[in-house]
Amino acid sequence: MFDLDQETYIYLIIIAVGLLAFSMGAKQRKKRRSQNLDFRRRYQARKKEEEKEKETK
C-alpha cells in the first residue's frame, strides 16, 4: 500500500470515523426535521378546520 508512518494512519482513521459520525448525525437531523414539519402541517390543518367550524356556527 502507501508508505505512511503509523501516526498518519491514526489521523486518517480519526478523520474517517469523524466523517461517518457527522453523516449519521445529519441523517438524524433531517429525519427529525421532516417529523417536525409533518407535525406542524397537521397542527395548522386542525387549526383551519376549527376556524371553519367557528365561522359556520
PDB file of N, CA and C in Angstrom:
ATOM      1  N   MET A   1       0.849  -1.186   0.000  1.00  0.00           N
ATOM      2  CA  MET A   1       0.000   0.000   0.000  1.00  0.00           C
ATOM      3  C   MET A   1       0.891   1.244   0.000  1.00  0.00           C
ATOM      4  N   PHE A   2       0.423   2.314   0.620  1.00  0.00           N
ATOM      5  CA  PHE A   2       1.230   3.532   0.679  1.00  0.00           C
ATOM      6  C   PHE A   2       2.269   3.414   1.789  1.00  0.00           C
ATOM      7  N   ASP A   3       3.354   4.114   1.627  1.00  0.00           N
ATOM      8  CA  ASP A   3       4.424   4.079   2.628  1.00  0.00           C
ATOM      9  C   ASP A   3       4.220   5.241   3.605  1.00  0.00           C
ATOM     10  N   LEU A   4       3.264   5.061   4.529  1.00  0.00           N
ATOM     11  CA  LEU A   4       2.951   6.095   5.510  1.00  0.00           C
ATOM     12  C   LEU A   4       3.327   5.602   6.895  1.00  0.00           C
ATOM     13  N   ASP A   5       3.673   6.536   7.763  1.00  0.00           N
ATOM     14  CA  ASP A   5       4.007   6.126   9.127  1.00  0.00           C
ATOM     15  C   ASP A   5       2.723   5.909   9.939  1.00  0.00           C
ATOM     16  N   GLN A   6       2.894   5.343  11.117  1.00  0.00           N
ATOM     17  CA  GLN A   6       1.749   4.939  11.938  1.00  0.00           C
ATOM     18  C   GLN A   6       0.891   6.136  12.356  1.00  0.00           C
ATOM     19  N   GLU A   7       1.522   7.256  12.640  1.00  0.00           N
ATOM     20  CA  GLU A   7       0.779   8.438  13.071  1.00  0.00           C
ATOM     21  C   GLU A   7      -0.183   8.915  11.982  1.00  0.00           C
ATOM     22  N   THR A   8       0.252   8.851  10.736  1.00  0.00           N
ATOM     23  CA  THR A   8      -0.599   9.274   9.626  1.00  0.00           C
ATOM     24  C   THR A   8      -1.804   8.352   9.490  1.00  0.00           C
ATOM     25  N   TYR A   9      -1.595   7.044   9.664  1.00  0.00           N
ATOM     26  CA  TYR A   9      -2.716   6.110   9.612  1.00  0.00           C
ATOM     27  C   TYR A   9      -3.734   6.418  10.710  1.00  0.00           C
ATOM     28  N   ILE A  10      -3.242   6.745  11.897  1.00  0.00           N
ATOM     29  CA  ILE A  10      -4.142   7.064  13.009  1.00  0.00           C
ATOM     30  C   ILE A  10      -4.972   8.297  12.671  1.00  0.00           C
ATOM     31  N   TYR A  11      -4.328   9.329  12.102  1.00  0.00           N
ATOM     32  CA  TYR A  11      -5.057  10.533  11.713  1.00  0.00           C
ATOM     33  C   TYR A  11      -6.112  10.218  10.662  1.00  0.00           C
ATOM     34  N   LEU A  12      -5.768   9.394   9.689  1.00  0.00           N
ATOM     35  CA  LEU A  12      -6.730   9.031   8.644  1.00  0.00           C
ATOM     36  C   LEU A  12      -7.927   8.288   9.226  1.00  0.00           C
ATOM     37  N   ILE A  13      -7.674   7.390  10.178  1.00  0.00           N
ATOM     38  CA  ILE A  13      -8.775   6.651  10.811  1.00  0.00           C
ATOM     39  C   ILE A  13      -9.668   7.600  11.603  1.00  0.00           C
ATOM     40  N   ILE A  14      -9.060   8.540  12.323  1.00  0.00           N
ATOM     41  CA  ILE A  14      -9.848   9.505  13.097  1.00  0.00           C
ATOM     42  C   ILE A  14     -10.724  10.342  12.169  1.00  0.00           C
ATOM     43  N   ILE A  15     -10.167  10.782  11.044  1.00  0.00           N
ATOM     44  CA  ILE A  15     -10.942  11.576  10.086  1.00  0.00           C
ATOM     45  C   ILE A  15     -12.094  10.754   9.515  1.00  0.00           C
ATOM     46  N   ALA A  16     -11.830   9.488   9.177  1.00  0.00           N
ATOM     47  CA  ALA A  16     -12.878   8.633   8.606  1.00  0.00           C
ATOM     48  C   ALA A  16     -14.014   8.422   9.604  1.00  0.00           C
ATOM     49  N   VAL A  17     -13.673   8.160  10.859  1.00  0.00           N
ATOM     50  CA  VAL A  17     -14.705   7.952  11.880  1.00  0.00           C
ATOM     51  C   VAL A  17     -15.490   9.244  12.105  1.00  0.00           C
ATOM     52  N   GLY A  18     -14.805  10.378  12.096  1.00  0.00           N
ATOM     53  CA  GLY A  18     -15.489  11.663  12.261  1.00  0.00           C
ATOM     54  C   GLY A  18     -16.474  11.932  11.140  1.00  0.00           C
ATOM     55  N   LEU A  19     -16.064  11.661   9.909  1.00  0.00           N
ATOM     56  CA  LEU A  19     -16.973  11.860   8.777  1.00  0.00           C
ATOM     57  C   LEU A  19     -18.178  10.930   8.864  1.00  0.00           C
ATOM     58  N   LEU A  20     -17.951   9.700   9.276  1.00  0.00           N
ATOM     59  CA  LEU A  20     -19.050   8.740   9.417  1.00  0.00           C
ATOM     60  C   LEU A  20     -20.049   9.221  10.472  1.00  0.00           C
ATOM     61  N   ALA A  21     -19.545   9.661  11.606  1.00  0.00           N
ATOM     62  CA  ALA A  21     -20.421  10.141  12.674  1.00  0.00           C
ATOM     63  C   ALA A  21     -21.180  11.389  12.228  1.00  0.00           C
ATOM     64  N   PHE A  22     -20.499  12.281  11.512  1.00  0.00           N
ATOM     65  CA  PHE A  22     -21.153  13.505  11.042  1.00  0.00           C
ATOM     66  C   PHE A  22     -22.275  13.188  10.063  1.00  0.00           C
ATOM     67  N   SER A  23     -22.032  12.253   9.143  1.00  0.00           N
ATOM     68  CA  SER A  23     -23.065  11.928   8.152  1.00  0.00           C
ATOM     69  C   SER A  23     -24.258  11.246   8.816  1.00  0.00           C
ATOM     70  N   MET A  24     -24.013  10.410   9.813  1.00  0.00           N
ATOM     71  CA  MET A  24     -25.126   9.767  10.518  1.00  0.00           C
ATOM     72  C   MET A  24     -25.923  10.809  11.308  1.00  0.00           C
ATOM     73  N   GLY A  25     -25.238  11.761  11.899  1.00  0.00           N
ATOM     74  CA  GLY A  25     -25.928  12.832  12.618  1.00  0.00           C
ATOM     75  C   GLY A  25     -26.768  13.683  11.684  1.00  0.00           C
ATOM     76  N   ALA A  26     -26.259  13.927  10.477  1.00  0.00           N
ATOM     77  CA  ALA A  26     -27.015  14.709   9.502  1.00  0.00           C
ATOM     78  C   ALA A  26     -28.286  13.973   9.090  1.00  0.00           C
ATOM     79  N   LYS A  27     -28.202  12.660   8.954  1.00  0.00           N
ATOM     80  CA  LYS A  27     -29.400  11.879   8.612  1.00  0.00           C
ATOM     81  C   LYS A  27     -30.435  11.996   9.719  1.00  0.00           C
ATOM     82  N   GLN A  28     -29.988  11.913  10.973  1.00  0.00           N
ATOM     83  CA  GLN A  28     -30.917  12.015  12.099  1.00  0.00           C
ATOM     84  C   GLN A  28     -31.582  13.391  12.131  1.00  0.00           C
ATOM     85  N   ARG A  29     -30.770  14.449  11.892  1.00  0.00           N
ATOM     86  CA  ARG A  29     -31.342  15.794  11.900  1.00  0.00           C
ATOM     87  C   ARG A  29     -32.380  15.946  10.800  1.00  0.00           C
ATOM     88  N   LYS A  30     -32.094  15.404   9.624  1.00  0.00           N
ATOM     89  CA  LYS A  30     -33.033  15.503   8.507  1.00  0.00           C
ATOM     90  C   LYS A  30     -34.329  14.768   8.836  1.00  0.00           C
ATOM     91  N   LYS A  31     -34.211  13.592   9.437  1.00  0.00           N
ATOM     92  CA  LYS A  31     -35.386  12.798   9.801  1.00  0.00           C
ATOM     93  C   LYS A  31     -36.225  13.549  10.833  1.00  0.00           C
ATOM     94  N   ARG A  32     -35.555  14.109  11.830  1.00  0.00           N
ATOM     95  CA  ARG A  32     -36.264  14.832  12.884  1.00  0.00           C
ATOM     96  C   ARG A  32     -36.963  16.062  12.314  1.00  0.00           C
ATOM     97  N   ARG A  33     -36.288  16.761  11.397  1.00  0.00           N
ATOM     98  CA  ARG A  33     -36.871  17.965  10.810  1.00  0.00           C
ATOM     99  C   ARG A  33     -38.127  17.617  10.014  1.00  0.00           C
ATOM    100  N   SER A  34     -38.101  16.513   9.271  1.00  0.00           N
ATOM    101  CA  SER A  34     -39.285  16.134   8.497  1.00  0.00           C
ATOM    102  C   SER A  34     -40.429  15.745   9.426  1.00  0.00           C
ATOM    103  N   GLN A  35     -40.123  15.121  10.556  1.00  0.00           N
ATOM    104  CA  GLN A  35     -41.176  14.794  11.524  1.00  0.00           C
ATOM    105  C   GLN A  35     -41.788  16.066  12.100  1.00  0.00           C
ATOM    106  N   ASN A  36     -40.937  17.065  12.399  1.00  0.00           N
ATOM    107  CA  ASN A  36     -41.443  18.328  12.933  1.00  0.00           C
ATOM    108  C   ASN A  36     -42.325  19.031  11.914  1.00  0.00           C
ATOM    109  N   LEU A  37     -41.903  19.018  10.642  1.00  0.00           N
ATOM    110  CA  LEU A  37     -42.703  19.656   9.607  1.00  0.00           C
ATOM    111  C   LEU A  37     -44.050  18.962   9.468  1.00  0.00           C
ATOM    112  N   ASP A  38     -44.049  17.644   9.547  1.00  0.00           N
ATOM    113  CA  ASP A  38     -45.295  16.892   9.440  1.00  0.00           C
ATOM    114  C   ASP A  38     -46.232  17.251  10.593  1.00  0.00           C
ATOM    115  N   PHE A  39     -45.689  17.329  11.798  1.00  0.00           N
ATOM    116  CA  PHE A  39     -46.497  17.686  12.965  1.00  0.00           C
ATOM    117  C   PHE A  39     -47.066  19.090  12.801  1.00  0.00           C
ATOM    118  N   ARG A  40     -46.237  20.034  12.333  1.00  0.00           N
ATOM    119  CA  ARG A  40     -46.678  21.413  12.171  1.00  0.00           C
ATOM    120  C   ARG A  40     -47.790  21.494  11.124  1.00  0.00           C
ATOM    121  N   ARG A  41     -47.647  20.735  10.040  1.00  0.00           N
ATOM    122  CA  ARG A  41     -48.663  20.732   8.986  1.00  0.00           C
ATOM    123  C   ARG A  41     -50.003  20.231   9.529  1.00  0.00           C
ATOM    124  N   ARG A  42     -49.952  19.142  10.288  1.00  0.00           N
ATOM    125  CA  ARG A  42     -51.194  18.605  10.851  1.00  0.00           C
ATOM    126  C   ARG A  42     -51.820  19.593  11.833  1.00  0.00           C
ATOM    127  N   TYR A  43     -50.986  20.267  12.620  1.00  0.00           N
ATOM    128  CA  TYR A  43     -51.480  21.235  13.595  1.00  0.00           C
ATOM    129  C   TYR A  43     -52.174  22.396  12.889  1.00  0.00           C
ATOM    130  N   GLN A  44     -51.554  22.906  11.818  1.00  0.00           N
ATOM    131  CA  GLN A  44     -52.151  24.021  11.086  1.00  0.00           C
ATOM    132  C   GLN A  44     -53.444  23.600  10.401  1.00  0.00           C
ATOM    133  N   ALA A  45     -53.488  22.374   9.880  1.00  0.00           N
ATOM    134  CA  ALA A  45     -54.713  21.884   9.247  1.00  0.00           C
ATOM    135  C   ALA A  45     -55.835  21.789  10.278  1.00  0.00           C
ATOM    136  N   ARG A  46     -55.504  21.326  11.473  1.00  0.00           N
ATOM    137  CA  ARG A  46     -56.502  21.232  12.538  1.00  0.00           C
ATOM    138  C   ARG A  46     -57.011  22.624  12.911  1.00  0.00           C
ATOM    139  N   LYS A  47     -56.104  23.604  12.974  1.00  0.00           N
ATOM    140  CA  LYS A  47     -56.497  24.974  13.289  1.00  0.00           C
ATOM    141  C   LYS A  47     -57.454  25.523  12.240  1.00  0.00           C
ATOM    142  N   LYS A  48     -57.159  25.268  10.968  1.00  0.00           N
ATOM    143  CA  LYS A  48     -58.030  25.752   9.895  1.00  0.00           C
ATOM    144  C   LYS A  48     -59.416  25.133  10.004  1.00  0.00           C
ATOM    145  N   GLU A  49     -59.468  23.846  10.326  1.00  0.00           N
ATOM    146  CA  GLU A  49     -60.766  23.183  10.494  1.00  0.00           C
ATOM    147  C   GLU A  49     -61.553  23.831  11.634  1.00  0.00           C
ATOM    148  N   GLU A  50     -60.876  24.142  12.733  1.00  0.00           N
ATOM    149  CA  GLU A  50     -61.551  24.785  13.859  1.00  0.00           C
ATOM    150  C   GLU A  50     -62.057  26.166  13.472  1.00  0.00           C
ATOM    151  N   GLU A  51     -61.275  26.904  12.684  1.00  0.00           N
ATOM    152  CA  GLU A  51     -61.702  28.228  12.223  1.00  0.00           C
ATOM    153  C   GLU A  51     -62.958  28.108  11.365  1.00  0.00           C
ATOM    154  N   LYS A  52     -62.981  27.124  10.471  1.00  0.00           N
ATOM    155  CA  LYS A  52     -64.156  26.933   9.610  1.00  0.00           C
ATOM    156  C   LYS A  52     -65.381  26.589  10.443  1.00  0.00           C
ATOM    157  N   GLU A  53     -65.207  25.749  11.461  1.00  0.00           N
ATOM    158  CA  GLU A  53     -66.331  25.383  12.325  1.00  0.00           C
ATOM    159  C   GLU A  53     -66.865  26.601  13.074  1.00  0.00           C
ATOM    160  N   LYS A  54     -65.974  27.477  13.522  1.00  0.00           N
ATOM    161  CA  LYS A  54     -66.409  28.683  14.227  1.00  0.00           C
ATOM    162  C   LYS A  54     -67.188  29.596  13.290  1.00  0.00           C
ATOM    163  N   GLU A  55     -66.747  29.693  12.032  1.00  0.00           N
ATOM    164  CA  GLU A  55     -67.422  30.568  11.075  1.00  0.00           C
ATOM    165  C   GLU A  55     -68.805  30.040  10.723  1.00  0.00           C
ATOM    166  N   THR A  56     -68.965  28.735  10.651  1.00  0.00           N
ATOM    167  CA  THR A  56     -70.264  28.168  10.274  1.00  0.00           C
ATOM    168  C   THR A  56     -71.277  28.248  11.407  1.00  0.00           C
ATOM    169  N   LYS A  57     -70.814  28.335  12.641  1.00  0.00           N
ATOM    170  CA  LYS A  57     -71.740  28.402  13.787  1.00  0.00           C
ATOM    171  C   LYS A  57     -72.343  29.781  13.929  1.00  0.00           C
TER     172      LYS A  57
END
